[in-house]
Amino acid sequence: MTDTPSTTPAEQDGSSEDIHDDMNALRADIYRILARLVREPPTAALLEWLTELDAEDDGSTLSHRWASLIHSAAEQPQEELAKKLASAHFRHLVGVIQGDVTPYASWYRQGNLMDEPLVALRRDLRRLGISRSEGCHDPEDHIAAICETMAMLLDEGQTEEAAKIFMAHLAPWAKRCFDDLAAVDTPFYAHVGALGSAFISEEQRHQAEEATRQPVRIVSADQDTVQPTPDVTDN
């Protein structure tokens, strides 16, 4: 992700199909900004970009969290704030051994690093042809890495695969992780955590709504194919 993502939290207009595509693009950008802010400290340029965002106030928790993060990025000169956040990021999300928050699926789901959740995630990433970049030393179950995967899948229009990754590898633990980040004593990172928590809640609602739109299908016990539900309307 660059320090100046292309879209903003503002609402966009258009046809039903265009709105759907725009919403997926917006979701991808939010995943990217969360990944960027959790993985490494923000630069002054990124902080300035945040201050220029136009977050529409629609009364939702998510819009309020956006507004709080934007305000936090503007509370002091960006160069000065970026220096403070560099040390705060280390303290909260890295640490000598581990920081205040340990942002890995294995830690939240099993209490250990590099445990079964990482193995399962690697298996799914391998199926999708996704591999860790050579310059990245974090295991793939780092919350930033999974958010980046979600952004990539949404950008490519692979919404069904994105839903599978979300439900299997983010939904069980990501909100708790962001809630823990929301409790740290650095206002900017607390607002990042609060935004992440609200966004994950919205994603869970989105996936639940999408699931209700899927046609009911029956898998035959003695067939490998999946068949549509037969019409049982009386003739």
Protein backbone atom coordinates (compact mmCIF):
# COMPACT_ATOMS: atom_id res chain seq x y z
CA MET A 1 0.00 0.00 0.00
CA THR A 2 1.16 3.52 -0.73
CA ASP A 3 0.95 6.32 1.80
CA THR A 4 -1.88 7.91 -0.19
CA PRO A 5 -4.58 5.31 -0.94
CA SER A 6 -6.87 6.16 -3.82
CA THR A 7 -10.28 6.17 -2.15
CA THR A 8 -11.76 7.70 0.98
CA PRO A 9 -14.49 6.74 3.45
CA ALA A 10 -16.94 9.05 1.64
CA GLU A 11 -20.09 7.58 0.08
CA GLN A 12 -20.07 7.08 -3.68
CA ASP A 13 -22.97 7.24 -6.17
CA GLY A 14 -23.85 5.09 -9.18
CA SER A 15 -25.83 2.07 -10.40
CA SER A 16 -26.44 -0.94 -8.18
CA GLU A 17 -23.58 -2.87 -9.77
CA ASP A 18 -21.27 0.15 -9.63
CA ILE A 19 -22.13 0.74 -5.98
CA HIS A 20 -21.34 -2.90 -5.20
CA ASP A 21 -17.98 -2.59 -6.94
CA ASP A 22 -17.27 0.73 -5.22
CA MET A 23 -18.12 -0.75 -1.83
CA ASN A 24 -15.73 -3.65 -2.41
CA ALA A 25 -13.03 -1.17 -3.47
CA LEU A 26 -13.68 0.84 -0.31
CA ARG A 27 -13.53 -2.30 1.82
CA ALA A 28 -10.21 -3.17 0.20
CA ASP A 29 -8.82 0.27 0.97
CA ILE A 30 -9.88 0.06 4.61
CA TYR A 31 -8.19 -3.32 4.92
CA ARG A 32 -5.07 -1.76 3.40
CA ILE A 33 -4.99 1.25 5.71
CA LEU A 34 -5.51 -0.94 8.78
CA ALA A 35 -2.75 -3.28 7.61
CA ARG A 36 -0.41 -0.35 6.98
CA LEU A 37 -1.02 1.25 10.38
CA VAL A 38 -0.61 -1.99 12.32
CA ARG A 39 2.42 -3.29 10.46
CA GLU A 40 4.59 -0.17 10.77
CA PRO A 41 4.46 3.41 12.10
CA PRO A 42 2.81 6.00 9.85
CA THR A 43 4.97 8.47 7.99
CA ALA A 44 4.28 12.20 8.13
CA ALA A 45 2.89 11.93 4.58
CA LEU A 46 0.41 9.24 5.62
CA LEU A 47 -0.67 11.26 8.65
CA GLU A 48 -1.24 14.28 6.42
CA TRP A 49 -3.28 12.13 4.02
CA LEU A 50 -5.42 11.00 6.95
CA THR A 51 -6.12 14.57 8.01
CA GLU A 52 -7.44 15.34 4.52
CA LEU A 53 -9.94 12.48 4.44
CA ASP A 54 -13.62 13.39 4.22
CA ALA A 55 -15.40 10.84 6.40
CA GLU A 56 -19.14 11.27 5.91
CA ASP A 57 -21.03 11.26 9.20
CA ASP A 58 -23.85 8.79 8.63
CA GLY A 59 -24.41 8.24 12.34
CA SER A 60 -22.75 4.83 12.33
CA THR A 61 -20.10 3.68 14.76
CA LEU A 62 -17.70 3.18 11.86
CA SER A 63 -18.03 6.79 10.66
CA HIS A 64 -17.46 8.05 14.21
CA ARG A 65 -14.34 5.92 14.51
CA TRP A 66 -13.05 7.33 11.21
CA ALA A 67 -13.64 10.87 12.44
CA SER A 68 -11.77 10.15 15.69
CA LEU A 69 -8.76 8.73 13.84
CA ILE A 70 -8.68 11.66 11.43
CA HIS A 71 -8.84 14.12 14.33
CA SER A 72 -6.07 12.25 16.15
CA ALA A 73 -3.80 12.51 13.10
CA ALA A 74 -4.29 16.28 13.08
CA GLU A 75 -3.73 17.01 16.77
CA GLN A 76 -0.09 18.05 16.27
CA PRO A 77 2.35 18.65 13.38
CA GLN A 78 2.67 15.46 11.34
CA GLU A 79 6.49 15.30 11.49
CA GLU A 80 6.39 15.55 15.28
CA LEU A 81 3.57 13.04 15.60
CA ALA A 82 5.28 10.56 13.26
CA LYS A 83 8.36 10.51 15.51
CA LYS A 84 6.26 9.83 18.61
CA LEU A 85 4.29 7.10 16.89
CA ALA A 86 7.46 5.30 15.81
CA SER A 87 8.32 4.48 19.42
CA ALA A 88 4.67 3.93 20.34
CA HIS A 89 4.28 1.37 17.54
CA PHE A 90 7.26 -0.58 18.85
CA ARG A 91 5.90 -0.52 22.39
CA HIS A 92 2.35 -1.50 21.47
CA LEU A 93 2.77 -3.88 18.54
CA VAL A 94 6.36 -5.15 18.52
CA GLY A 95 8.28 -4.88 21.80
CA VAL A 96 11.58 -6.50 22.72
CA ILE A 97 9.88 -9.89 23.02
CA GLN A 98 6.29 -8.87 22.33
CA GLY A 99 4.38 -5.63 22.63
CA ASP A 100 1.18 -4.76 24.46
CA VAL A 101 -0.70 -6.47 21.63
CA THR A 102 0.49 -9.64 19.88
CA PRO A 103 -1.30 -9.36 16.52
CA TYR A 104 -1.17 -12.98 15.39
CA ALA A 105 -4.04 -15.40 14.86
CA SER A 106 -2.14 -18.23 16.55
CA TRP A 107 -1.67 -16.16 19.70
CA TYR A 108 -5.31 -15.15 20.00
CA ARG A 109 -6.74 -18.53 19.05
CA GLN A 110 -4.26 -20.94 20.65
CA GLY A 111 -2.16 -18.86 23.08
CA ASN A 112 1.06 -19.65 21.22
CA LEU A 113 2.88 -18.24 18.22
CA MET A 114 3.14 -20.20 14.96
CA ASP A 115 0.47 -22.70 15.94
CA GLU A 116 -2.30 -24.50 14.04
CA PRO A 117 -4.06 -21.32 12.84
CA LEU A 118 -0.89 -20.41 10.94
CA VAL A 119 -0.72 -23.88 9.39
CA ALA A 120 -4.36 -23.68 8.28
CA LEU A 121 -3.88 -20.19 6.87
CA ARG A 122 -0.78 -21.22 4.93
CA ARG A 123 -2.75 -24.10 3.46
CA ASP A 124 -5.46 -21.73 2.21
CA LEU A 125 -2.95 -19.19 0.91
CA ARG A 126 -1.12 -21.92 -0.98
CA ARG A 127 -4.43 -22.97 -2.56
CA LEU A 128 -4.92 -19.38 -3.72
CA GLY A 129 -1.38 -19.10 -5.03
CA ILE A 130 -0.45 -16.44 -2.45
CA SER A 131 2.96 -16.48 -0.79
CA ARG A 132 4.77 -14.25 1.68
CA SER A 133 6.98 -11.61 0.12
CA GLU A 134 10.71 -12.14 0.49
CA GLY A 135 11.20 -8.93 2.46
CA CYS A 136 8.56 -9.79 5.07
CA HIS A 137 9.71 -11.61 8.21
CA ASP A 138 6.34 -11.80 10.00
CA PRO A 139 4.42 -15.09 9.86
CA GLU A 140 1.42 -15.01 7.55
CA ASP A 141 -1.07 -14.97 10.45
CA HIS A 142 -0.07 -11.43 11.42
CA ILE A 143 -3.29 -9.41 11.28
CA ALA A 144 -1.74 -6.97 8.80
CA ALA A 145 -0.85 -9.79 6.41
CA ILE A 146 -4.37 -11.21 6.49
CA CYS A 147 -5.85 -7.74 5.95
CA GLU A 148 -3.54 -7.28 2.95
CA THR A 149 -4.73 -10.64 1.59
CA MET A 150 -8.34 -9.51 1.97
CA ALA A 151 -7.57 -6.29 0.10
CA MET A 152 -5.90 -8.17 -2.73
CA LEU A 153 -8.78 -10.64 -3.11
CA LEU A 154 -11.36 -7.84 -3.13
CA ASP A 155 -9.33 -5.88 -5.69
CA GLU A 156 -9.31 -8.96 -7.92
CA GLY A 157 -13.07 -9.47 -7.56
CA GLN A 158 -12.62 -12.74 -5.67
CA THR A 159 -15.35 -11.93 -3.18
CA GLU A 160 -16.24 -15.56 -2.42
CA GLU A 161 -12.61 -16.37 -1.60
CA ALA A 162 -12.37 -13.19 0.47
CA ALA A 163 -15.42 -14.30 2.43
CA LYS A 164 -13.84 -17.70 3.11
CA ILE A 165 -10.59 -16.13 4.30
CA PHE A 166 -12.46 -13.67 6.50
CA MET A 167 -14.68 -16.27 8.15
CA ALA A 168 -11.88 -18.80 8.67
CA HIS A 169 -8.96 -16.55 9.56
CA LEU A 170 -10.19 -13.13 10.76
CA ALA A 171 -13.70 -13.44 12.21
CA PRO A 172 -12.71 -15.73 15.12
CA TRP A 173 -10.18 -13.29 16.64
CA ALA A 174 -9.55 -10.00 14.80
CA LYS A 175 -12.09 -7.92 16.74
CA ARG A 176 -10.54 -8.99 20.05
CA CYS A 177 -7.13 -7.99 18.75
CA PHE A 178 -8.34 -4.57 17.64
CA ASP A 179 -10.21 -4.14 20.95
CA ASP A 180 -6.94 -4.74 22.78
CA LEU A 181 -5.22 -2.15 20.58
CA ALA A 182 -8.07 0.26 21.35
CA ALA A 183 -7.12 0.00 25.04
CA VAL A 184 -3.48 1.20 24.68
CA ASP A 185 -2.42 4.57 26.09
CA THR A 186 -1.44 6.21 22.78
CA PRO A 187 -4.55 7.99 21.44
CA PHE A 188 -3.68 7.51 17.78
CA TYR A 189 -3.21 3.75 18.11
CA ALA A 190 -6.25 3.48 20.35
CA HIS A 191 -8.25 5.08 17.54
CA VAL A 192 -6.71 2.66 15.01
CA GLY A 193 -7.85 -0.21 17.22
CA ALA A 194 -11.33 1.25 17.63
CA LEU A 195 -11.66 1.72 13.87
CA GLY A 196 -10.46 -1.83 13.23
CA SER A 197 -12.92 -3.24 15.75
CA ALA A 198 -15.85 -1.36 14.20
CA PHE A 199 -14.80 -2.40 10.69
CA ILE A 200 -14.54 -6.08 11.60
CA SER A 201 -18.03 -5.88 13.13
CA GLU A 202 -19.31 -4.35 9.89
CA GLU A 203 -17.58 -7.08 7.88
CA GLN A 204 -19.22 -9.76 10.01
CA ARG A 205 -22.63 -8.19 9.35
CA HIS A 206 -21.80 -7.92 5.66
CA GLN A 207 -20.84 -11.59 5.42
CA ALA A 208 -24.01 -12.62 7.28
CA GLU A 209 -26.13 -10.60 4.86
CA GLU A 210 -24.31 -12.04 1.86
CA ALA A 211 -24.87 -15.56 3.18
CA THR A 212 -28.63 -15.02 3.27
CA ARG A 213 -28.58 -14.08 -0.43
CA GLN A 214 -26.93 -17.33 -1.48
CA PRO A 215 -29.28 -19.99 -2.92
CA VAL A 216 -29.83 -23.04 -0.75
CA ARG A 217 -27.99 -26.00 -2.24
CA ILE A 218 -28.00 -29.72 -1.50
CA VAL A 219 -24.94 -31.95 -1.65
CA SER A 220 -25.84 -35.51 -2.65
CA ALA A 221 -24.32 -38.14 -0.35
CA ASP A 222 -23.27 -40.32 -3.29
CA GLN A 223 -22.33 -37.61 -5.79
CA ASP A 224 -19.40 -35.22 -5.91
CA THR A 225 -21.43 -32.46 -7.52
CA VAL A 226 -23.50 -29.81 -5.76
CA GLN A 227 -27.04 -29.52 -7.06
CA PRO A 228 -29.59 -26.69 -6.81
CA THR A 229 -32.47 -27.21 -4.41
CA PRO A 230 -35.38 -28.78 -6.33
CA ASP A 231 -38.59 -26.81 -6.78
CA VAL A 232 -41.07 -28.19 -4.23
CA THR A 233 -43.94 -25.84 -5.18
CA ASP A 234 -47.23 -27.72 -5.64
CA ASN A 235 -48.33 -27.99 -9.28
